[in-house]
Amino acid sequence: MKISRQKIDKISEQIINFLYSKNPQLLFTSQIAHEIARDEEFIKKILIDLKKKSLLVEVKKNPKGKDYIRRSRWRLSDNAYSVYKNYQTY
């Protein structure tokens, strides 16, 4: 089954909105997938796509500075946060 680009864009907007509401907290892919009620692999694909567009930042280290082997945490990029913040005030 193929999902249209329009639906993927709407899901991307949901992800950005959710990360904005939780800022500056870093969230794991599984937490985002649970909140959006979608499959983790599908959400990971969208997150990587948003990272390529410089909207998200992927964090591959835990708070102690050790690398995650199979996990990633995500947050909005500084530019995306400021643009989204200005957009929300109007």
Protein backbone atom coordinates (compact mmCIF):
# COMPACT_ATOMS: atom_id res chain seq x y z
CA MET A 1 0.00 0.00 0.00
CA LYS A 2 1.36 3.42 -0.96
CA ILE A 3 0.73 6.54 1.08
CA SER A 4 0.27 9.80 -0.80
CA ARG A 5 2.74 12.64 -0.47
CA GLN A 6 -0.05 14.80 0.98
CA LYS A 7 -0.64 12.34 3.84
CA ILE A 8 3.09 12.03 4.53
CA ASP A 9 3.27 15.84 4.72
CA LYS A 10 0.40 15.88 7.24
CA ILE A 11 2.13 13.23 9.37
CA SER A 12 5.34 15.28 9.16
CA GLU A 13 3.42 18.30 10.44
CA GLN A 14 2.11 16.21 13.35
CA ILE A 15 5.66 15.14 14.21
CA ILE A 16 6.96 18.71 14.10
CA ASN A 17 4.05 19.92 16.22
CA PHE A 18 4.63 17.17 18.78
CA LEU A 19 8.38 17.88 19.00
CA TYR A 20 7.63 21.61 19.32
CA SER A 21 5.28 20.94 22.23
CA LYS A 22 7.96 18.84 24.00
CA ASN A 23 10.89 21.17 23.28
CA PRO A 24 13.70 21.10 24.56
CA GLN A 25 13.12 17.46 25.55
CA LEU A 26 14.78 14.89 23.27
CA LEU A 27 12.46 12.06 22.24
CA PHE A 28 13.19 8.56 21.00
CA THR A 29 11.74 7.39 17.70
CA SER A 30 9.53 4.92 19.58
CA GLN A 31 8.04 7.70 21.72
CA ILE A 32 7.20 9.76 18.64
CA ALA A 33 5.71 6.72 16.87
CA HIS A 34 3.58 5.93 19.91
CA GLU A 35 2.24 9.49 20.11
CA ILE A 36 1.50 9.72 16.38
CA ALA A 37 0.08 6.17 16.41
CA ARG A 38 2.18 4.94 13.50
CA ASP A 39 4.72 2.21 12.86
CA GLU A 40 8.25 2.96 14.13
CA GLU A 41 9.95 2.17 10.82
CA PHE A 42 7.56 4.45 8.93
CA ILE A 43 8.11 7.27 11.44
CA LYS A 44 11.89 6.75 11.30
CA LYS A 45 11.78 7.16 7.52
CA ILE A 46 9.89 10.45 7.89
CA LEU A 47 12.25 11.63 10.66
CA ILE A 48 15.29 10.99 8.46
CA ASP A 49 13.57 12.86 5.63
CA LEU A 50 12.92 15.83 7.93
CA LYS A 51 16.55 15.68 9.07
CA LYS A 52 17.69 15.97 5.44
CA LYS A 53 15.53 19.10 5.15
CA SER A 54 17.32 20.52 8.26
CA LEU A 55 14.10 20.61 10.29
CA LEU A 56 15.22 18.05 12.88
CA VAL A 57 18.43 17.17 14.69
CA GLU A 58 19.28 13.55 15.42
CA VAL A 59 21.09 12.88 18.69
CA LYS A 60 22.96 9.59 18.83
CA LYS A 61 24.49 10.00 22.30
CA ASN A 62 23.01 9.50 25.73
CA PRO A 63 23.21 12.24 28.40
CA LYS A 64 26.50 10.78 29.63
CA GLY A 65 28.09 11.13 26.18
CA LYS A 66 28.09 7.46 25.19
CA ASP A 67 26.99 6.55 21.67
CA TYR A 68 23.71 4.75 21.17
CA ILE A 69 24.15 1.61 19.11
CA ARG A 70 20.61 1.24 17.76
CA ARG A 71 18.70 4.24 19.08
CA SER A 72 18.25 7.88 18.20
CA ARG A 73 16.67 10.81 19.92
CA TRP A 74 15.19 13.73 18.03
CA ARG A 75 14.55 17.43 18.49
CA LEU A 76 13.65 20.39 16.33
CA SER A 77 16.55 22.29 14.82
CA ASP A 78 17.06 25.79 16.19
CA ASN A 79 15.96 27.39 12.91
CA ALA A 80 12.84 25.23 12.66
CA TYR A 81 11.95 26.00 16.27
CA SER A 82 12.20 29.77 15.77
CA VAL A 83 10.17 29.67 12.54
CA TYR A 84 7.53 27.43 14.11
CA LYS A 85 7.39 29.64 17.20
CA ASN A 86 6.75 32.73 15.05
CA TYR A 87 4.14 30.81 13.07
CA GLN A 88 2.32 29.77 16.28
CA THR A 89 2.02 33.33 17.58
CA TYR A 90 -0.07 34.50 14.62
